[in-house]
Amino acid sequence: MEATSAKRLPDGPGWLYEPKWDGFRCLAFRKGRVILLQSKSGQPLGRYFPEVEAALAALPTRTFVLDGEIVIFTAGALDFDALLQRIHPAASRIEKLSRETPATFLAFDLLVDPRGKPLVDLPLAERRARLEKLFARLPPKIHEAGGVLLSPATAERKTAEGWMRELGAGGLDGVVAKRADERYRTGERAGMVKVKRLRTADCVVGGFRYLQAGGEIGSLLLGLYDRAGKLDHVGFSSSFTAAERRELKPLLTPLIEPPGFTGKAPGGPSRWSARRTDDWQPVRPVLVCEVRYDHFSGARFRHGTKFLRWRPDKRPEDCTFGQVRPRAAGPLLEHLGVD
């Protein structure tokens, strides 16, 4: 099942709310001794997460198909960067990481029960009840790091709003709302809504790129200061109207001055951004802007950001990585009532 994006959680009866994890969506198949981990696009994931395969194999239930998410927790917070480290060609490297940063499988749906009966035509409420019954029979401590967990769910909208409001510091991606009366629809977007937790950050403008045609500014290149006082390039913002682009040019061109970024500098443009030129112009790092973003991983914004406003009251040197790093307010699973 796929979710439709929305700005607000749906209200009214008949909804079930679940945390939206920042991990790899995964189907887990078991039949006897055979374990298969598969991404939602059909790619095998088992070789990258041998500890998850081992945890599933250790379950007393020998037949099932689970829908869930593979995540890694570091100091109680979700760590997407650690997940990305697993997509590595060397088996020895994966084995080492599986010991140092073990992954966890969070199950949120049961598609085939222990008797081998498909459940996809049952409503979600019934599938959830059977999933909870399955996990109730598991031995204690099966859910430790590198193990298998039941992902929490609630029918209370206020509880889900609390997750959105309080657990972003632990890396929670948002909340998914599902119709409790819906069957499991592979690849469809019916009866499922996701609300992502959007965050803001103050960034220094260290450069810009022109549009390929017209001579207007296509994107601002954003930076944050590291602990050594170096300005690292961390992403871009290009969400401007034509009128806003015309206002950017007289503001930025007088500031053109190398090096712009004193730490990590921009490379070529994204292959998805054909409207921007290859070359970028460095500017004196004196402008600060506030942007909205969804994810920060690998020392950069995972996607393009949304420009919100200029921050003339903010000192550039105060724009550091500290504002975008996850900060666990206690272990995330403990706050969600998973034990």
C-alpha atoms as a PDB file:
ATOM      1  CA  MET A   1       0.000   0.000   0.000  1.00  0.00           C
ATOM      2  CA  GLU A   2       1.099   3.564  -0.770  1.00  0.00           C
ATOM      3  CA  ALA A   3       0.069   6.760   1.005  1.00  0.00           C
ATOM      4  CA  THR A   4      -1.201  10.077  -0.322  1.00  0.00           C
ATOM      5  CA  SER A   5       0.557  13.136   1.126  1.00  0.00           C
ATOM      6  CA  ALA A   6      -1.476  15.601   3.183  1.00  0.00           C
ATOM      7  CA  LYS A   7      -0.829  18.620   5.396  1.00  0.00           C
ATOM      8  CA  ARG A   8      -3.144  17.557   8.240  1.00  0.00           C
ATOM      9  CA  LEU A   9      -4.055  14.288   9.873  1.00  0.00           C
ATOM     10  CA  PRO A  10      -7.576  13.160   8.902  1.00  0.00           C
ATOM     11  CA  ASP A  11     -10.190  13.311  11.633  1.00  0.00           C
ATOM     12  CA  GLY A  12     -13.291  11.305  12.433  1.00  0.00           C
ATOM     13  CA  PRO A  13     -13.991   7.638  13.191  1.00  0.00           C
ATOM     14  CA  GLY A  14     -12.459   4.715  11.337  1.00  0.00           C
ATOM     15  CA  TRP A  15      -8.816   5.857  11.177  1.00  0.00           C
ATOM     16  CA  LEU A  16      -5.782   4.065  12.585  1.00  0.00           C
ATOM     17  CA  TYR A  17      -2.635   6.175  13.101  1.00  0.00           C
ATOM     18  CA  GLU A  18       0.918   4.811  12.945  1.00  0.00           C
ATOM     19  CA  PRO A  19       4.388   6.369  13.204  1.00  0.00           C
ATOM     20  CA  LYS A  20       6.042   7.071   9.849  1.00  0.00           C
ATOM     21  CA  TRP A  21       9.514   5.628  10.243  1.00  0.00           C
ATOM     22  CA  ASP A  22      12.567   7.010   8.449  1.00  0.00           C
ATOM     23  CA  GLY A  23      13.879   3.712   7.154  1.00  0.00           C
ATOM     24  CA  PHE A  24      13.632   1.159   4.344  1.00  0.00           C
ATOM     25  CA  ARG A  25      10.166  -0.240   3.626  1.00  0.00           C
ATOM     26  CA  CYS A  26      10.419  -4.021   3.633  1.00  0.00           C
ATOM     27  CA  LEU A  27       8.300  -7.145   3.171  1.00  0.00           C
ATOM     28  CA  ALA A  28       9.506 -10.059   5.297  1.00  0.00           C
ATOM     29  CA  PHE A  29       8.620 -13.547   4.067  1.00  0.00           C
ATOM     30  CA  ARG A  30       9.139 -16.753   6.027  1.00  0.00           C
ATOM     31  CA  LYS A  31       8.306 -20.335   5.146  1.00  0.00           C
ATOM     32  CA  GLY A  32      10.087 -22.847   7.338  1.00  0.00           C
ATOM     33  CA  ARG A  33      13.790 -22.071   7.236  1.00  0.00           C
ATOM     34  CA  VAL A  34      13.539 -19.801   4.218  1.00  0.00           C
ATOM     35  CA  ILE A  35      13.655 -16.048   4.975  1.00  0.00           C
ATOM     36  CA  LEU A  36      13.315 -13.349   2.330  1.00  0.00           C
ATOM     37  CA  LEU A  37      13.562  -9.592   2.821  1.00  0.00           C
ATOM     38  CA  GLN A  38      12.269  -7.581  -0.121  1.00  0.00           C
ATOM     39  CA  SER A  39      11.985  -3.848  -0.800  1.00  0.00           C
ATOM     40  CA  LYS A  40       8.708  -2.355  -2.014  1.00  0.00           C
ATOM     41  CA  SER A  41      10.233  -2.255  -5.519  1.00  0.00           C
ATOM     42  CA  GLY A  42      10.935  -6.007  -5.357  1.00  0.00           C
ATOM     43  CA  GLN A  43      14.683  -5.836  -4.681  1.00  0.00           C
ATOM     44  CA  PRO A  44      16.228  -8.333  -2.205  1.00  0.00           C
ATOM     45  CA  LEU A  45      17.498  -6.738   1.012  1.00  0.00           C
ATOM     46  CA  GLY A  46      18.662  -9.766   2.985  1.00  0.00           C
ATOM     47  CA  ARG A  47      22.369  -9.501   2.181  1.00  0.00           C
ATOM     48  CA  TYR A  48      22.439  -5.966   3.585  1.00  0.00           C
ATOM     49  CA  PHE A  49      20.720  -6.869   6.855  1.00  0.00           C
ATOM     50  CA  PRO A  50      21.835 -10.366   7.942  1.00  0.00           C
ATOM     51  CA  GLU A  51      20.972  -9.620  11.580  1.00  0.00           C
ATOM     52  CA  VAL A  52      17.339  -8.944  10.635  1.00  0.00           C
ATOM     53  CA  GLU A  53      17.181 -12.238   8.742  1.00  0.00           C
ATOM     54  CA  ALA A  54      18.622 -13.975  11.807  1.00  0.00           C
ATOM     55  CA  ALA A  55      16.085 -12.313  14.120  1.00  0.00           C
ATOM     56  CA  LEU A  56      13.187 -13.381  11.896  1.00  0.00           C
ATOM     57  CA  ALA A  57      14.577 -16.911  11.720  1.00  0.00           C
ATOM     58  CA  ALA A  58      14.697 -17.019  15.524  1.00  0.00           C
ATOM     59  CA  LEU A  59      10.967 -16.383  15.857  1.00  0.00           C
ATOM     60  CA  PRO A  60       8.936 -19.421  16.919  1.00  0.00           C
ATOM     61  CA  THR A  61       6.417 -18.675  14.153  1.00  0.00           C
ATOM     62  CA  ARG A  62       7.619 -20.472  11.025  1.00  0.00           C
ATOM     63  CA  THR A  63       5.220 -19.069   8.428  1.00  0.00           C
ATOM     64  CA  PHE A  64       4.266 -15.435   7.840  1.00  0.00           C
ATOM     65  CA  VAL A  65       4.491 -12.410   5.580  1.00  0.00           C
ATOM     66  CA  LEU A  66       5.022  -9.119   7.390  1.00  0.00           C
ATOM     67  CA  ASP A  67       4.953  -5.598   6.016  1.00  0.00           C
ATOM     68  CA  GLY A  68       7.200  -3.226   7.905  1.00  0.00           C
ATOM     69  CA  GLU A  69      10.231  -0.981   7.996  1.00  0.00           C
ATOM     70  CA  ILE A  70      13.919  -1.612   8.594  1.00  0.00           C
ATOM     71  CA  VAL A  71      15.451   1.088  10.814  1.00  0.00           C
ATOM     72  CA  ILE A  72      18.589   1.701  12.833  1.00  0.00           C
ATOM     73  CA  PHE A  73      18.589   3.445  16.209  1.00  0.00           C
ATOM     74  CA  THR A  74      21.663   5.313  17.447  1.00  0.00           C
ATOM     75  CA  ALA A  75      21.501   6.666  20.996  1.00  0.00           C
ATOM     76  CA  GLY A  76      17.742   6.186  20.926  1.00  0.00           C
ATOM     77  CA  ALA A  77      17.162   8.172  17.715  1.00  0.00           C
ATOM     78  CA  LEU A  78      16.534   7.006  14.165  1.00  0.00           C
ATOM     79  CA  ASP A  79      19.739   7.036  12.101  1.00  0.00           C
ATOM     80  CA  PHE A  80      19.124   7.020   8.349  1.00  0.00           C
ATOM     81  CA  ASP A  81      22.809   7.664   7.620  1.00  0.00           C
ATOM     82  CA  ALA A  82      23.647   4.345   9.295  1.00  0.00           C
ATOM     83  CA  LEU A  83      21.102   2.621   7.035  1.00  0.00           C
ATOM     84  CA  LEU A  84      22.717   4.071   3.924  1.00  0.00           C
ATOM     85  CA  GLN A  85      26.071   2.653   5.026  1.00  0.00           C
ATOM     86  CA  ARG A  86      24.613  -0.846   4.566  1.00  0.00           C
ATOM     87  CA  ILE A  87      24.182  -0.507   0.792  1.00  0.00           C
ATOM     88  CA  HIS A  88      27.748  -1.644   0.299  1.00  0.00           C
ATOM     89  CA  PRO A  89      29.226  -4.274  -2.051  1.00  0.00           C
ATOM     90  CA  ALA A  90      31.608  -5.819   0.495  1.00  0.00           C
ATOM     91  CA  ALA A  91      30.081  -8.591   2.609  1.00  0.00           C
ATOM     92  CA  SER A  92      32.785  -8.120   5.263  1.00  0.00           C
ATOM     93  CA  ARG A  93      31.805  -4.467   5.665  1.00  0.00           C
ATOM     94  CA  ILE A  94      28.117  -5.346   6.016  1.00  0.00           C
ATOM     95  CA  GLU A  95      28.930  -8.026   8.594  1.00  0.00           C
ATOM     96  CA  LYS A  96      30.957  -5.524  10.628  1.00  0.00           C
ATOM     97  CA  LEU A  97      28.185  -2.909  10.521  1.00  0.00           C
ATOM     98  CA  SER A  98      25.523  -5.465  11.444  1.00  0.00           C
ATOM     99  CA  ARG A  99      27.386  -5.997  14.730  1.00  0.00           C
ATOM    100  CA  GLU A 100      28.194  -2.342  15.413  1.00  0.00           C
ATOM    101  CA  THR A 101      24.857  -0.771  14.373  1.00  0.00           C
ATOM    102  CA  PRO A 102      22.273  -3.582  14.300  1.00  0.00           C
ATOM    103  CA  ALA A 103      19.039  -2.883  12.433  1.00  0.00           C
ATOM    104  CA  THR A 104      15.524  -3.492  13.711  1.00  0.00           C
ATOM    105  CA  PHE A 105      12.473  -4.666  11.766  1.00  0.00           C
ATOM    106  CA  LEU A 106       9.299  -2.806  12.767  1.00  0.00           C
ATOM    107  CA  ALA A 107       6.201  -4.734  11.690  1.00  0.00           C
ATOM    108  CA  PHE A 108       2.971  -2.846  11.003  1.00  0.00           C
ATOM    109  CA  ASP A 109       0.919  -5.337   8.948  1.00  0.00           C
ATOM    110  CA  LEU A 110       0.373  -9.077   8.645  1.00  0.00           C
ATOM    111  CA  LEU A 111      -0.314 -10.301   5.095  1.00  0.00           C
ATOM    112  CA  VAL A 112      -0.050 -14.080   5.577  1.00  0.00           C
ATOM    113  CA  ASP A 113      -0.796 -15.720   8.931  1.00  0.00           C
ATOM    114  CA  PRO A 114       1.105 -18.602  10.603  1.00  0.00           C
ATOM    115  CA  ARG A 115      -1.203 -21.139   8.918  1.00  0.00           C
ATOM    116  CA  GLY A 116      -0.219 -19.789   5.500  1.00  0.00           C
ATOM    117  CA  LYS A 117      -3.586 -18.079   4.954  1.00  0.00           C
ATOM    118  CA  PRO A 118      -3.517 -14.794   2.963  1.00  0.00           C
ATOM    119  CA  LEU A 119      -5.067 -11.898   4.887  1.00  0.00           C
ATOM    120  CA  VAL A 120      -4.900  -9.141   2.258  1.00  0.00           C
ATOM    121  CA  ASP A 121      -8.660  -9.139   1.682  1.00  0.00           C
ATOM    122  CA  LEU A 122      -9.429  -8.620   5.371  1.00  0.00           C
ATOM    123  CA  PRO A 123      -9.911  -5.074   6.705  1.00  0.00           C
ATOM    124  CA  LEU A 124      -6.908  -3.457   8.386  1.00  0.00           C
ATOM    125  CA  ALA A 125      -8.563  -3.615  11.812  1.00  0.00           C
ATOM    126  CA  GLU A 126      -8.716  -7.410  11.593  1.00  0.00           C
ATOM    127  CA  ARG A 127      -5.182  -7.727  10.229  1.00  0.00           C
ATOM    128  CA  ARG A 128      -3.905  -5.486  13.029  1.00  0.00           C
ATOM    129  CA  ALA A 129      -5.647  -7.587  15.672  1.00  0.00           C
ATOM    130  CA  ARG A 130      -4.034 -10.740  14.292  1.00  0.00           C
ATOM    131  CA  LEU A 131      -0.636  -9.024  14.113  1.00  0.00           C
ATOM    132  CA  GLU A 132      -0.878  -8.011  17.769  1.00  0.00           C
ATOM    133  CA  LYS A 133      -1.917 -11.541  18.697  1.00  0.00           C
ATOM    134  CA  LEU A 134       1.121 -12.906  16.845  1.00  0.00           C
ATOM    135  CA  PHE A 135       3.493 -10.602  18.741  1.00  0.00           C
ATOM    136  CA  ALA A 136       1.808 -11.333  22.065  1.00  0.00           C
ATOM    137  CA  ARG A 137       3.026 -14.928  21.719  1.00  0.00           C
ATOM    138  CA  LEU A 138       6.671 -13.957  21.165  1.00  0.00           C
ATOM    139  CA  PRO A 139       9.224 -14.447  23.928  1.00  0.00           C
ATOM    140  CA  PRO A 140      10.317 -11.351  25.903  1.00  0.00           C
ATOM    141  CA  LYS A 141      13.308  -9.310  24.716  1.00  0.00           C
ATOM    142  CA  ILE A 142      12.830 -10.475  21.119  1.00  0.00           C
ATOM    143  CA  HIS A 143      12.686  -6.801  20.197  1.00  0.00           C
ATOM    144  CA  GLU A 144      16.177  -5.746  21.261  1.00  0.00           C
ATOM    145  CA  ALA A 145      18.531  -4.086  18.749  1.00  0.00           C
ATOM    146  CA  GLY A 146      18.798  -6.270  15.690  1.00  0.00           C
ATOM    147  CA  GLY A 147      15.438  -7.804  16.486  1.00  0.00           C
ATOM    148  CA  VAL A 148      11.778  -7.607  15.502  1.00  0.00           C
ATOM    149  CA  LEU A 149       9.298  -5.111  16.940  1.00  0.00           C
ATOM    150  CA  LEU A 150       5.601  -4.441  16.678  1.00  0.00           C
ATOM    151  CA  SER A 151       5.189  -0.908  15.360  1.00  0.00           C
ATOM    152  CA  PRO A 152       2.688   0.983  17.553  1.00  0.00           C
ATOM    153  CA  ALA A 153      -0.721   2.137  16.338  1.00  0.00           C
ATOM    154  CA  THR A 154      -3.528   4.178  17.841  1.00  0.00           C
ATOM    155  CA  ALA A 155      -7.090   5.121  17.004  1.00  0.00           C
ATOM    156  CA  GLU A 156      -6.680   8.381  18.966  1.00  0.00           C
ATOM    157  CA  ARG A 157      -5.875  11.383  16.774  1.00  0.00           C
ATOM    158  CA  LYS A 158      -4.589  13.350  19.791  1.00  0.00           C
ATOM    159  CA  THR A 159      -2.010  10.657  20.466  1.00  0.00           C
ATOM    160  CA  ALA A 160      -0.819  10.829  16.865  1.00  0.00           C
ATOM    161  CA  GLU A 161      -0.627  14.622  17.069  1.00  0.00           C
ATOM    162  CA  GLY A 162       1.547  14.195  20.153  1.00  0.00           C
ATOM    163  CA  TRP A 163       3.921  11.975  18.180  1.00  0.00           C
ATOM    164  CA  MET A 164       4.186  14.664  15.506  1.00  0.00           C
ATOM    165  CA  ARG A 165       4.779  17.411  18.047  1.00  0.00           C
ATOM    166  CA  GLU A 166       7.127  15.712  20.500  1.00  0.00           C
ATOM    167  CA  LEU A 167       9.150  13.034  18.724  1.00  0.00           C
ATOM    168  CA  GLY A 168      10.763  14.850  15.818  1.00  0.00           C
ATOM    169  CA  ALA A 169      13.984  15.185  17.817  1.00  0.00           C
ATOM    170  CA  GLY A 170      14.257  11.400  17.723  1.00  0.00           C
ATOM    171  CA  GLY A 171      14.012  11.383  13.939  1.00  0.00           C
ATOM    172  CA  LEU A 172      10.349  10.382  13.563  1.00  0.00           C
ATOM    173  CA  ASP A 173       9.370  11.141   9.965  1.00  0.00           C
ATOM    174  CA  GLY A 174       5.688  11.865  10.613  1.00  0.00           C
ATOM    175  CA  VAL A 175       2.444   9.921  10.947  1.00  0.00           C
ATOM    176  CA  VAL A 176       0.541   7.635   8.580  1.00  0.00           C
ATOM    177  CA  ALA A 177      -3.258   7.430   8.853  1.00  0.00           C
ATOM    178  CA  LYS A 178      -4.972   4.319   7.474  1.00  0.00           C
ATOM    179  CA  ARG A 179      -8.634   3.463   7.074  1.00  0.00           C
ATOM    180  CA  ALA A 180      -9.374   0.626   9.481  1.00  0.00           C
ATOM    181  CA  ASP A 181     -11.917  -0.891   7.080  1.00  0.00           C
ATOM    182  CA  GLU A 182      -9.602  -1.053   4.036  1.00  0.00           C
ATOM    183  CA  ARG A 183      -8.199  -4.242   2.549  1.00  0.00           C
ATOM    184  CA  TYR A 184      -4.493  -4.377   1.676  1.00  0.00           C
ATOM    185  CA  ARG A 185      -4.111  -2.721  -1.730  1.00  0.00           C
ATOM    186  CA  THR A 186      -0.714  -3.373  -3.332  1.00  0.00           C
ATOM    187  CA  GLY A 187       0.622  -0.264  -5.035  1.00  0.00           C
ATOM    188  CA  GLU A 188      -2.603   1.708  -4.560  1.00  0.00           C
ATOM    189  CA  ARG A 189      -3.128   4.950  -2.630  1.00  0.00           C
ATOM    190  CA  ALA A 190      -6.687   4.393  -1.420  1.00  0.00           C
ATOM    191  CA  GLY A 191      -7.451   4.766   2.274  1.00  0.00           C
ATOM    192  CA  MET A 192      -3.988   5.845   3.409  1.00  0.00           C
ATOM    193  CA  VAL A 193      -2.664   9.340   4.175  1.00  0.00           C
ATOM    194  CA  LYS A 194       0.806  10.410   5.289  1.00  0.00           C
ATOM    195  CA  VAL A 195       1.638  13.653   7.045  1.00  0.00           C
ATOM    196  CA  LYS A 196       5.344  14.351   7.131  1.00  0.00           C
ATOM    197  CA  ARG A 197       6.936  16.362   9.883  1.00  0.00           C
ATOM    198  CA  LEU A 198       8.487  19.407   8.203  1.00  0.00           C
ATOM    199  CA  ARG A 199      11.278  21.272   9.941  1.00  0.00           C
ATOM    200  CA  THR A 200      12.999  24.615   9.473  1.00  0.00           C
ATOM    201  CA  ALA A 201      16.644  25.683   9.592  1.00  0.00           C
ATOM    202  CA  ASP A 202      18.573  28.916   9.260  1.00  0.00           C
ATOM    203  CA  CYS A 203      21.237  28.619   6.558  1.00  0.00           C
ATOM    204  CA  VAL A 204      23.981  30.817   5.145  1.00  0.00           C
ATOM    205  CA  VAL A 205      23.887  31.571   1.421  1.00  0.00           C
ATOM    206  CA  GLY A 206      27.349  30.624   0.156  1.00  0.00           C
ATOM    207  CA  GLY A 207      26.605  30.825  -3.558  1.00  0.00           C
ATOM    208  CA  PHE A 208      24.009  30.560  -6.295  1.00  0.00           C
ATOM    209  CA  ARG A 209      23.383  29.147  -9.741  1.00  0.00           C
ATOM    210  CA  TYR A 210      21.876  30.920 -12.722  1.00  0.00           C
ATOM    211  CA  LEU A 211      19.045  29.454 -14.754  1.00  0.00           C
ATOM    212  CA  GLN A 212      20.163  28.006 -18.072  1.00  0.00           C
ATOM    213  CA  ALA A 213      18.090  30.582 -19.946  1.00  0.00           C
ATOM    214  CA  GLY A 214      17.087  34.128 -19.111  1.00  0.00           C
ATOM    215  CA  GLY A 215      19.992  35.081 -16.871  1.00  0.00           C
ATOM    216  CA  GLU A 216      17.967  34.979 -13.654  1.00  0.00           C
ATOM    217  CA  ILE A 217      19.082  33.200 -10.484  1.00  0.00           C
ATOM    218  CA  GLY A 218      17.905  29.601 -10.411  1.00  0.00           C
ATOM    219  CA  SER A 219      18.859  28.440  -6.926  1.00  0.00           C
ATOM    220  CA  LEU A 220      20.472  29.508  -3.691  1.00  0.00           C
ATOM    221  CA  LEU A 221      23.281  27.274  -2.427  1.00  0.00           C
ATOM    222  CA  LEU A 222      22.994  26.789   1.310  1.00  0.00           C
ATOM    223  CA  GLY A 223      25.639  26.242   3.939  1.00  0.00           C
ATOM    224  CA  LEU A 224      26.097  25.453   7.622  1.00  0.00           C
ATOM    225  CA  TYR A 225      29.197  25.933   9.760  1.00  0.00           C
ATOM    226  CA  ASP A 226      30.936  22.857  11.141  1.00  0.00           C
ATOM    227  CA  ARG A 227      32.743  22.623  14.475  1.00  0.00           C
ATOM    228  CA  ALA A 228      35.967  23.842  12.902  1.00  0.00           C
ATOM    229  CA  GLY A 229      34.271  27.011  11.679  1.00  0.00           C
ATOM    230  CA  LYS A 230      34.215  25.894   8.027  1.00  0.00           C
ATOM    231  CA  LEU A 231      31.145  26.622   5.911  1.00  0.00           C
ATOM    232  CA  ASP A 232      29.941  23.372   4.302  1.00  0.00           C
ATOM    233  CA  HIS A 233      27.524  23.213   1.385  1.00  0.00           C
ATOM    234  CA  VAL A 234      24.434  21.319   2.557  1.00  0.00           C
ATOM    235  CA  GLY A 235      21.808  21.810  -0.172  1.00  0.00           C
ATOM    236  CA  PHE A 236      19.832  24.276  -2.229  1.00  0.00           C
ATOM    237  CA  SER A 237      16.584  26.181  -2.493  1.00  0.00           C
ATOM    238  CA  SER A 238      14.985  26.900  -5.857  1.00  0.00           C
ATOM    239  CA  SER A 239      11.308  27.436  -5.028  1.00  0.00           C
ATOM    240  CA  PHE A 240      10.988  31.001  -6.322  1.00  0.00           C
ATOM    241  CA  THR A 241       8.453  32.759  -8.519  1.00  0.00           C
ATOM    242  CA  ALA A 242       9.627  34.769 -11.529  1.00  0.00           C
ATOM    243  CA  ALA A 243       9.160  37.996  -9.583  1.00  0.00           C
ATOM    244  CA  GLU A 244      11.162  36.658  -6.631  1.00  0.00           C
ATOM    245  CA  ARG A 245      13.991  35.617  -8.950  1.00  0.00           C
ATOM    246  CA  ARG A 246      14.234  39.146 -10.299  1.00  0.00           C
ATOM    247  CA  GLU A 247      14.582  40.434  -6.744  1.00  0.00           C
ATOM    248  CA  LEU A 248      17.397  37.989  -5.982  1.00  0.00           C
ATOM    249  CA  LYS A 249      19.742  39.220  -8.690  1.00  0.00           C
ATOM    250  CA  PRO A 250      20.456  42.750  -7.350  1.00  0.00           C
ATOM    251  CA  LEU A 251      20.747  41.301  -3.860  1.00  0.00           C
ATOM    252  CA  LEU A 252      23.283  38.583  -4.676  1.00  0.00           C
ATOM    253  CA  THR A 253      25.408  39.744  -7.599  1.00  0.00           C
ATOM    254  CA  PRO A 254      27.148  42.530  -5.615  1.00  0.00           C
ATOM    255  CA  LEU A 255      28.223  39.842  -3.124  1.00  0.00           C
ATOM    256  CA  ILE A 256      29.975  37.599  -5.671  1.00  0.00           C
ATOM    257  CA  GLU A 257      33.299  36.793  -4.091  1.00  0.00           C
ATOM    258  CA  PRO A 258      35.256  33.539  -3.719  1.00  0.00           C
ATOM    259  CA  PRO A 259      35.467  31.160  -2.030  1.00  0.00           C
ATOM    260  CA  GLY A 260      31.856  31.206  -0.785  1.00  0.00           C
ATOM    261  CA  PHE A 261      32.140  27.857   0.972  1.00  0.00           C
ATOM    262  CA  THR A 262      35.265  27.267   3.049  1.00  0.00           C
ATOM    263  CA  GLY A 263      34.536  23.603   3.746  1.00  0.00           C
ATOM    264  CA  LYS A 264      32.699  21.212   1.428  1.00  0.00           C
ATOM    265  CA  ALA A 265      31.834  22.988  -1.827  1.00  0.00           C
ATOM    266  CA  PRO A 266      29.055  22.238  -4.347  1.00  0.00           C
ATOM    267  CA  GLY A 267      29.636  19.805  -7.171  1.00  0.00           C
ATOM    268  CA  GLY A 268      27.739  19.718 -10.434  1.00  0.00           C
ATOM    269  CA  PRO A 269      23.971  20.192 -10.400  1.00  0.00           C
ATOM    270  CA  SER A 270      21.589  17.319  -9.845  1.00  0.00           C
ATOM    271  CA  ARG A 271      20.714  15.396 -12.987  1.00  0.00           C
ATOM    272  CA  TRP A 272      17.081  16.197 -12.133  1.00  0.00           C
ATOM    273  CA  SER A 273      17.772  19.947 -12.229  1.00  0.00           C
ATOM    274  CA  ALA A 274      18.222  20.589 -15.924  1.00  0.00           C
ATOM    275  CA  ARG A 275      17.087  24.202 -15.576  1.00  0.00           C
ATOM    276  CA  ARG A 276      20.212  25.194 -13.624  1.00  0.00           C
ATOM    277  CA  THR A 277      23.672  25.720 -15.101  1.00  0.00           C
ATOM    278  CA  ASP A 278      26.721  23.638 -14.189  1.00  0.00           C
ATOM    279  CA  ASP A 279      28.687  26.609 -12.820  1.00  0.00           C
ATOM    280  CA  TRP A 280      27.974  28.197  -9.485  1.00  0.00           C
ATOM    281  CA  GLN A 281      28.849  31.641  -8.250  1.00  0.00           C
ATOM    282  CA  PRO A 282      30.414  32.015  -4.774  1.00  0.00           C
ATOM    283  CA  VAL A 283      29.210  34.896  -2.603  1.00  0.00           C
ATOM    284  CA  ARG A 284      30.402  36.515   0.593  1.00  0.00           C
ATOM    285  CA  PRO A 285      28.664  34.549   3.385  1.00  0.00           C
ATOM    286  CA  VAL A 286      26.678  37.372   4.957  1.00  0.00           C
ATOM    287  CA  LEU A 287      23.083  36.468   4.043  1.00  0.00           C
ATOM    288  CA  VAL A 288      21.022  34.133   6.229  1.00  0.00           C
ATOM    289  CA  CYS A 289      17.713  32.612   5.176  1.00  0.00           C
ATOM    290  CA  GLU A 290      15.203  30.311   6.837  1.00  0.00           C
ATOM    291  CA  VAL A 291      14.227  27.234   4.825  1.00  0.00           C
ATOM    292  CA  ARG A 292      11.811  24.357   5.342  1.00  0.00           C
ATOM    293  CA  TYR A 293      13.016  20.793   4.815  1.00  0.00           C
ATOM    294  CA  ASP A 294      11.881  17.223   5.348  1.00  0.00           C
ATOM    295  CA  HIS A 295      15.086  15.225   5.893  1.00  0.00           C
ATOM    296  CA  PHE A 296      18.708  15.904   6.726  1.00  0.00           C
ATOM    297  CA  SER A 297      21.108  12.983   6.258  1.00  0.00           C
ATOM    298  CA  GLY A 298      24.610  12.422   4.980  1.00  0.00           C
ATOM    299  CA  ALA A 299      25.540  15.979   6.078  1.00  0.00           C
ATOM    300  CA  ARG A 300      23.059  17.562   3.664  1.00  0.00           C
ATOM    301  CA  PHE A 301      19.377  18.107   2.994  1.00  0.00           C
ATOM    302  CA  ARG A 302      18.080  14.972   1.322  1.00  0.00           C
ATOM    303  CA  HIS A 303      15.785  16.972  -0.996  1.00  0.00           C
ATOM    304  CA  GLY A 304      15.478  20.566  -2.141  1.00  0.00           C
ATOM    305  CA  THR A 305      14.348  23.022   0.526  1.00  0.00           C
ATOM    306  CA  LYS A 306      11.561  25.619   0.535  1.00  0.00           C
ATOM    307  CA  PHE A 307      12.731  29.218   0.993  1.00  0.00           C
ATOM    308  CA  LEU A 308      10.672  30.907   3.734  1.00  0.00           C
ATOM    309  CA  ARG A 309      12.251  34.262   4.525  1.00  0.00           C
ATOM    310  CA  TRP A 310      15.446  36.220   4.999  1.00  0.00           C
ATOM    311  CA  ARG A 311      16.868  36.378   8.536  1.00  0.00           C
ATOM    312  CA  PRO A 312      18.745  39.724   8.855  1.00  0.00           C
ATOM    313  CA  ASP A 313      18.614  39.314  12.638  1.00  0.00           C
ATOM    314  CA  LYS A 314      20.649  36.099  12.532  1.00  0.00           C
ATOM    315  CA  ARG A 315      24.445  36.003  12.573  1.00  0.00           C
ATOM    316  CA  PRO A 316      25.863  33.702   9.859  1.00  0.00           C
ATOM    317  CA  GLU A 317      28.290  32.076  12.301  1.00  0.00           C
ATOM    318  CA  ASP A 318      25.324  30.943  14.415  1.00  0.00           C
ATOM    319  CA  CYS A 319      24.031  28.774  11.551  1.00  0.00           C
ATOM    320  CA  THR A 320      25.562  25.442  12.557  1.00  0.00           C
ATOM    321  CA  PHE A 321      24.850  21.750  12.115  1.00  0.00           C
ATOM    322  CA  GLY A 322      23.495  21.610  15.654  1.00  0.00           C
ATOM    323  CA  GLN A 323      20.043  22.733  14.496  1.00  0.00           C
ATOM    324  CA  VAL A 324      19.582  19.829  12.056  1.00  0.00           C
ATOM    325  CA  ARG A 325      21.120  16.920  13.936  1.00  0.00           C
ATOM    326  CA  PRO A 326      18.601  14.525  15.569  1.00  0.00           C
ATOM    327  CA  ARG A 327      18.441  14.908  19.331  1.00  0.00           C
ATOM    328  CA  ALA A 328      16.777  12.070  21.175  1.00  0.00           C
ATOM    329  CA  ALA A 329      14.648  13.276  24.080  1.00  0.00           C
ATOM    330  CA  GLY A 330      15.069   9.848  25.609  1.00  0.00           C
ATOM    331  CA  PRO A 331      14.798   6.660  23.528  1.00  0.00           C
ATOM    332  CA  LEU A 332      12.232   7.090  20.755  1.00  0.00           C
ATOM    333  CA  LEU A 333      10.702   3.634  21.209  1.00  0.00           C
ATOM    334  CA  GLU A 334      10.222   4.263  24.912  1.00  0.00           C
ATOM    335  CA  HIS A 335       8.254   7.422  24.160  1.00  0.00           C
ATOM    336  CA  LEU A 336       6.075   5.461  21.746  1.00  0.00           C
ATOM    337  CA  GLY A 337       5.325   2.877  24.423  1.00  0.00           C
ATOM    338  CA  VAL A 338       7.279   0.061  22.741  1.00  0.00           C
ATOM    339  CA  ASP A 339       8.981  -2.159  25.287  1.00  0.00           C
END
